[in-house]
Protein backbone atom coordinates (compact mmCIF):
# COMPACT_ATOMS: atom_id res chain seq x y z
CA UNK A 1 -0.24 -0.12 0.08
CA UNK A 2 1.32 3.35 -0.82
CA UNK A 3 0.59 6.79 0.61
CA UNK A 4 -1.16 9.33 -1.23
CA UNK A 5 -0.71 12.57 -1.25
CA UNK A 6 -3.49 13.68 1.11
CA UNK A 7 -1.55 11.39 3.42
CA UNK A 8 1.88 12.91 3.78
CA UNK A 9 0.54 15.87 3.60
CA UNK A 10 -1.12 14.63 7.30
CA UNK A 11 2.25 13.19 7.98
CA UNK A 12 3.87 16.31 7.63
CA UNK A 13 1.63 18.81 9.18
CA UNK A 14 1.28 16.72 13.03
CA UNK A 15 4.92 15.69 12.53
CA UNK A 16 5.78 19.61 13.09
CA UNK A 17 2.88 19.69 15.26
CA UNK A 18 4.63 16.97 17.33
CA UNK A 19 8.12 19.12 17.15
CA UNK A 20 6.30 22.19 18.25
CA UNK A 21 5.17 20.67 21.43
CA UNK A 22 8.54 19.20 21.52
CA UNK A 23 9.78 22.75 21.43
CA UNK A 24 7.17 23.60 23.98
CA UNK A 25 8.43 20.73 26.65
CA UNK A 26 11.76 20.56 26.31
CA UNK A 27 13.59 21.29 23.34
CA UNK A 28 13.11 24.91 23.39
CA UNK A 29 16.51 24.54 24.94
CA UNK A 30 17.86 22.74 22.61
CA UNK A 31 16.40 24.84 19.34
CA UNK A 32 15.00 28.33 18.22
CA UNK A 33 11.52 28.25 17.60
CA UNK A 34 11.93 28.84 13.88
CA UNK A 35 13.51 26.28 13.56
CA UNK A 36 10.93 23.89 14.31
CA UNK A 37 9.08 24.95 11.40
CA UNK A 38 11.54 25.02 9.02
CA UNK A 39 12.39 20.98 10.15
CA UNK A 40 8.59 19.88 9.65
CA UNK A 41 8.55 21.79 6.12
CA UNK A 42 11.93 19.78 4.75
CA UNK A 43 10.43 16.15 6.16
CA UNK A 44 7.24 17.10 4.14
CA UNK A 45 9.87 18.04 1.02
CA UNK A 46 11.26 14.35 1.65
CA UNK A 47 7.66 13.06 1.65
CA UNK A 48 5.61 14.68 -1.26
CA UNK A 49 8.98 14.38 -3.70
CA UNK A 50 8.92 10.77 -3.71
CA UNK A 51 5.29 11.12 -4.00
CA UNK A 52 5.33 14.05 -7.23
CA UNK A 53 7.87 12.44 -9.42
CA UNK A 54 5.66 9.34 -9.15
CA UNK A 55 2.44 10.99 -10.35
CA UNK A 56 4.34 12.76 -13.15
CA UNK A 57 5.73 9.37 -13.98
CA UNK A 58 2.41 7.44 -13.81
CA UNK A 59 0.49 10.63 -16.03
CA UNK A 60 3.17 10.70 -18.19
CA UNK A 61 2.68 5.99 -19.27
CA UNK A 62 -0.96 7.10 -19.60
CA UNK A 63 -0.68 9.67 -22.16
CA UNK A 64 1.21 7.51 -24.17
CA UNK A 65 -1.01 5.23 -23.04
CA UNK A 66 -4.14 7.21 -24.30
CA UNK A 67 -1.13 8.14 -27.54
CA UNK A 68 -0.97 4.53 -28.60
CA UNK A 69 -5.08 3.37 -28.08
CA UNK A 70 -5.61 6.87 -30.76
CA UNK A 71 -2.71 5.32 -33.23
CA UNK A 72 -4.27 1.76 -33.34
CA UNK A 73 -7.55 3.42 -33.67
CA UNK A 74 -7.08 5.55 -36.42
CA UNK A 75 -5.07 2.58 -38.06
CA UNK A 76 -8.69 0.62 -37.56
CA UNK A 77 -10.25 3.57 -38.81
CA UNK A 78 -8.28 3.89 -42.18
CA UNK A 79 -8.13 0.31 -43.26
């Protein structure tokens, strides 16, 4: 089972919230607050970029498949 776009965004947002609550607890001793959203954004990019690449690859394959079907249909109509 593969995570979709919404699942990946949800996990990213929840991770950022979790880091925010950790920052309120004990992480504030070690990190400034503006680092926490950057970590969340980095994590979101790590999750979303592979999904986006797969989405583009599938979209391109679907377009090629439709083009092959159209070419086959045109050849049958010509003969």
